[in-house]
Amino acid sequence: MRSSARRPACVVGLAVIVCLLSAAPAPAASIKGAVIYAGPAPEKKMIPINIDQYVCGKSREAEDLVLGANRGIRWAVVSVQPPPGNKWEPSTKPVQMDQQGCVYAPRVVIVPVGGTVEFLNSDPLLHNLHSVSTENPTFNRTQPKGRTIPVIFKKAETVRVDCDLHTWMRAWVVATDHPFIAVTGPAGEFVIDNVPPGKYTLKIWQETLGTVSREVTVGDKDTTGVTVEMGKK
């Protein structure tokens, strides 16, 4: 009698365990690697400056292609297409892009669709923000020292931002509708976290070198040592 009385409780316990297991999140891993320049590093380009030299200097190294250690490419954007059914709750915290020494810092930022980029001006002179886009409304705003200009990006797109007053100044805002994206660091390194297992096409974009792709397979453990080469065609 006692054993038969315990059976319902056991059945309930097993049902709870099954429910907990079925509700557990799917395993995920990270894609880690580097984007490097194919072939010998090109000569560095210097841009002469003839305006506001007291802040901007007399010349500046071009930043449209910045190489670090071991020819690593900085400011490249690495992404994979989101898996079906992916749900994302992006941060609502604004992303900041400053203007320091007549350079946008950082040069490339990622913002979720519907998110805000706060453009700062830490320089003691006048700048302006002039965007080039197709999906998002363009803007052209003058920006005195110390002023912050917030801009909302409502659609996924890579938006170019220039300063018409200082023509070498350029930056990029990448508005994205998924979290599987990263910007390479000083040595070309990148990490894309929380990727479910599966086969993906890794897409890499750089403002001067264009776009290349690479197939990757993600398992239950991190996919490391992914090296992608880019070069001028």
Protein backbone atom coordinates (compact mmCIF):
# COMPACT_ATOMS: atom_id res chain seq x y z
CA MET A 1 0.00 0.00 0.00
CA ARG A 2 2.79 2.42 0.85
CA SER A 3 4.60 1.87 -2.47
CA SER A 4 1.42 2.40 -4.49
CA ALA A 5 0.72 5.60 -2.52
CA ARG A 6 4.12 6.96 -3.46
CA ARG A 7 3.68 6.45 -7.22
CA PRO A 8 1.72 9.66 -7.93
CA ALA A 9 4.37 11.71 -6.15
CA CYS A 10 7.11 10.04 -8.21
CA VAL A 11 5.21 10.67 -11.41
CA VAL A 12 4.80 14.32 -10.48
CA GLY A 13 8.51 14.58 -9.64
CA LEU A 14 9.51 13.11 -12.98
CA ALA A 15 7.16 15.48 -14.78
CA VAL A 16 8.73 18.46 -13.03
CA ILE A 17 12.23 17.31 -14.01
CA VAL A 18 11.18 16.83 -17.64
CA CYS A 19 9.65 20.31 -17.71
CA LEU A 20 12.77 21.86 -16.22
CA LEU A 21 14.98 20.10 -18.76
CA SER A 22 12.78 21.14 -21.66
CA ALA A 23 12.78 24.74 -20.42
CA ALA A 24 16.57 24.87 -20.10
CA PRO A 25 18.24 27.23 -22.58
CA ALA A 26 19.89 25.70 -25.62
CA PRO A 27 23.68 25.44 -25.41
CA ALA A 28 25.61 28.31 -26.92
CA ALA A 29 29.24 29.09 -27.61
CA SER A 30 31.48 31.89 -28.85
CA ILE A 31 33.20 32.46 -32.17
CA LYS A 32 36.67 33.86 -31.54
CA GLY A 33 39.29 34.85 -34.05
CA ALA A 34 41.05 37.61 -35.95
CA VAL A 35 40.82 39.50 -39.23
CA ILE A 36 44.20 40.09 -40.84
CA TYR A 37 45.51 41.84 -43.92
CA ALA A 38 46.53 39.55 -46.78
CA GLY A 39 50.02 40.25 -48.02
CA PRO A 40 52.58 42.84 -46.95
CA ALA A 41 51.21 45.81 -45.01
CA PRO A 42 50.63 48.84 -47.26
CA GLU A 43 52.46 52.11 -46.66
CA LYS A 44 50.85 54.40 -44.15
CA LYS A 45 49.16 57.46 -45.62
CA MET A 46 49.55 60.88 -44.03
CA ILE A 47 46.83 63.50 -44.47
CA PRO A 48 47.98 67.16 -44.53
CA ILE A 49 45.87 69.50 -42.39
CA ASN A 50 45.51 73.21 -43.10
CA ILE A 51 42.65 74.16 -40.75
CA ASP A 52 42.39 74.42 -36.95
CA GLN A 53 45.93 73.15 -36.54
CA TYR A 54 46.01 74.22 -32.89
CA VAL A 55 43.67 71.28 -32.18
CA CYS A 56 43.94 69.01 -35.24
CA GLY A 57 47.71 69.19 -35.80
CA LYS A 58 49.51 69.72 -39.10
CA SER A 59 49.07 66.17 -40.40
CA ARG A 60 47.37 62.95 -39.39
CA GLU A 61 47.67 59.29 -40.31
CA ALA A 62 44.73 58.08 -42.40
CA GLU A 63 42.35 55.78 -40.52
CA ASP A 64 40.47 54.19 -43.41
CA LEU A 65 42.71 51.11 -43.01
CA VAL A 66 44.42 50.66 -39.64
CA LEU A 67 46.67 47.65 -39.10
CA GLY A 68 47.92 46.47 -35.75
CA ALA A 69 50.13 43.64 -34.55
CA ASN A 70 50.57 40.78 -37.05
CA ARG A 71 48.71 42.79 -39.72
CA GLY A 72 45.48 42.63 -37.72
CA ILE A 73 42.78 44.89 -39.20
CA ARG A 74 41.13 47.28 -36.76
CA TRP A 75 37.54 48.57 -37.11
CA ALA A 76 36.28 45.68 -39.27
CA VAL A 77 32.71 44.54 -38.60
CA VAL A 78 32.21 40.78 -38.14
CA SER A 79 28.74 39.23 -38.08
CA VAL A 80 26.70 36.07 -38.63
CA GLN A 81 23.04 35.85 -39.59
CA PRO A 82 20.86 35.17 -36.52
CA PRO A 83 19.48 31.63 -36.19
CA PRO A 84 15.73 31.10 -36.75
CA GLY A 85 13.58 31.99 -33.76
CA ASN A 86 16.28 34.06 -32.10
CA LYS A 87 14.92 36.50 -29.55
CA TRP A 88 16.91 39.53 -28.47
CA GLU A 89 16.35 42.12 -25.79
CA PRO A 90 18.92 44.80 -26.62
CA SER A 91 20.30 47.24 -24.12
CA THR A 92 18.58 50.61 -23.99
CA LYS A 93 21.78 52.35 -22.89
CA PRO A 94 22.93 54.97 -25.45
CA VAL A 95 26.11 54.31 -27.41
CA GLN A 96 28.63 57.15 -27.36
CA MET A 97 30.84 58.48 -30.14
CA ASP A 98 33.13 61.42 -29.32
CA GLN A 99 35.19 63.86 -31.38
CA GLN A 100 38.69 64.18 -29.94
CA GLY A 101 41.60 65.89 -31.68
CA CYS A 102 39.53 66.11 -34.87
CA VAL A 103 38.97 62.34 -34.98
CA TYR A 104 35.84 60.33 -34.25
CA ALA A 105 36.40 58.03 -31.29
CA PRO A 106 35.66 55.24 -31.77
CA ARG A 107 35.59 55.16 -35.57
CA VAL A 108 32.98 52.38 -35.68
CA VAL A 109 30.12 51.76 -33.24
CA ILE A 110 27.32 49.18 -33.15
CA VAL A 111 23.85 50.21 -32.02
CA PRO A 112 20.66 48.10 -31.85
CA VAL A 113 17.80 49.13 -34.13
CA GLY A 114 15.76 51.70 -32.23
CA GLY A 115 18.78 52.60 -30.12
CA THR A 116 20.49 55.96 -29.69
CA VAL A 117 23.99 57.14 -30.48
CA GLU A 118 25.08 60.15 -28.45
CA PHE A 119 27.53 62.19 -30.51
CA LEU A 120 29.84 64.23 -28.28
CA ASN A 121 32.24 67.05 -29.10
CA SER A 122 35.18 67.27 -26.71
CA ASP A 123 37.19 69.53 -29.05
CA PRO A 124 37.41 73.29 -28.36
CA LEU A 125 36.10 74.12 -31.84
CA LEU A 126 33.08 73.67 -34.10
CA HIS A 127 32.33 70.35 -35.82
CA ASN A 128 29.34 69.11 -37.75
CA LEU A 129 27.67 65.73 -38.17
CA HIS A 130 26.69 64.87 -41.73
CA SER A 131 25.31 61.38 -42.36
CA VAL A 132 25.04 59.33 -45.55
CA SER A 133 22.31 56.67 -45.45
CA THR A 134 19.43 55.12 -47.38
CA GLU A 135 17.25 53.42 -44.75
CA ASN A 136 17.56 55.98 -41.94
CA PRO A 137 16.87 59.72 -42.23
CA THR A 138 20.01 61.72 -42.99
CA PHE A 139 21.14 64.47 -40.63
CA ASN A 140 23.45 67.47 -40.92
CA ARG A 141 23.95 69.20 -37.58
CA THR A 142 26.49 71.76 -36.43
CA GLN A 143 28.04 70.88 -33.09
CA PRO A 144 29.83 73.41 -30.88
CA LYS A 145 32.21 72.38 -28.12
CA GLY A 146 30.62 70.49 -25.25
CA ARG A 147 27.31 69.77 -26.99
CA THR A 148 25.85 66.27 -27.15
CA ILE A 149 23.57 65.37 -30.07
CA PRO A 150 21.49 62.18 -29.69
CA VAL A 151 20.38 60.36 -32.85
CA ILE A 152 18.02 57.37 -33.01
CA PHE A 153 18.63 54.73 -35.71
CA LYS A 154 15.35 53.01 -36.53
CA LYS A 155 16.40 50.60 -39.30
CA ALA A 156 19.28 48.18 -39.80
CA GLU A 157 21.97 49.83 -41.90
CA THR A 158 25.60 50.90 -41.96
CA VAL A 159 25.59 54.70 -41.84
CA ARG A 160 28.55 56.89 -42.73
CA VAL A 161 29.15 60.04 -40.70
CA ASP A 162 31.44 62.86 -41.88
CA CYS A 163 32.48 66.28 -40.67
CA ASP A 164 32.22 68.77 -43.55
CA LEU A 165 34.45 71.24 -41.72
CA HIS A 166 37.29 68.73 -41.31
CA THR A 167 37.08 66.54 -44.39
CA TRP A 168 39.33 63.72 -43.14
CA MET A 169 36.96 62.99 -40.25
CA ARG A 170 34.81 59.93 -40.90
CA ALA A 171 33.00 57.37 -38.77
CA TRP A 172 30.50 54.54 -39.15
CA VAL A 173 27.37 53.62 -37.21
CA VAL A 174 26.23 50.02 -37.70
CA ALA A 175 22.56 49.68 -36.73
CA THR A 176 21.73 46.02 -36.21
CA ASP A 177 18.65 43.93 -35.48
CA HIS A 178 20.55 41.04 -33.87
CA PRO A 179 23.38 40.58 -31.33
CA PHE A 180 25.68 38.34 -33.39
CA ILE A 181 28.05 41.08 -34.43
CA ALA A 182 31.34 42.60 -33.27
CA VAL A 183 33.96 45.20 -34.20
CA THR A 184 37.58 44.09 -34.38
CA GLY A 185 40.05 45.42 -31.84
CA PRO A 186 43.59 46.85 -32.20
CA ALA A 187 45.08 43.51 -33.31
CA GLY A 188 42.12 42.50 -35.48
CA GLU A 189 40.66 40.31 -32.76
CA PHE A 190 36.92 39.68 -32.34
CA VAL A 191 34.48 37.64 -30.24
CA ILE A 192 30.83 36.89 -31.01
CA ASP A 193 29.16 35.41 -27.92
CA ASN A 194 26.13 33.19 -27.27
CA VAL A 195 25.94 31.59 -30.73
CA PRO A 196 23.75 28.44 -30.82
CA PRO A 197 25.32 25.35 -32.40
CA GLY A 198 25.08 25.18 -36.18
CA LYS A 199 26.67 26.18 -39.46
CA TYR A 200 27.02 29.88 -40.20
CA THR A 201 28.40 32.26 -42.77
CA LEU A 202 30.75 34.71 -41.12
CA LYS A 203 30.60 38.07 -42.92
CA ILE A 204 33.37 40.64 -42.51
CA TRP A 205 33.08 44.24 -43.74
CA GLN A 206 35.77 46.90 -43.77
CA GLU A 207 35.30 50.38 -45.23
CA THR A 208 38.24 50.17 -47.64
CA LEU A 209 38.46 46.43 -48.34
CA GLY A 210 34.77 45.67 -48.80
CA THR A 211 33.15 42.40 -47.70
CA VAL A 212 34.40 38.82 -47.46
CA SER A 213 32.76 35.72 -46.02
CA ARG A 214 33.86 32.51 -44.33
CA GLU A 215 31.92 29.39 -43.36
CA VAL A 216 32.14 28.35 -39.70
CA THR A 217 30.62 25.56 -37.63
CA VAL A 218 29.71 26.17 -34.00
CA GLY A 219 29.43 23.26 -31.57
CA ASP A 220 28.81 23.06 -27.85
CA LYS A 221 32.27 24.50 -27.21
CA ASP A 222 33.82 27.76 -28.37
CA THR A 223 34.95 27.95 -31.98
CA THR A 224 38.40 29.52 -31.66
CA GLY A 225 41.28 30.34 -33.94
CA VAL A 226 39.10 31.56 -36.81
CA THR A 227 41.37 33.65 -39.03
CA VAL A 228 40.00 35.61 -41.96
CA GLU A 229 42.21 37.38 -44.50
CA MET A 230 41.21 40.53 -46.34
CA GLY A 231 43.13 42.43 -49.01
CA LYS A 232 42.72 44.97 -51.76
CA LYS A 233 41.40 43.47 -54.98
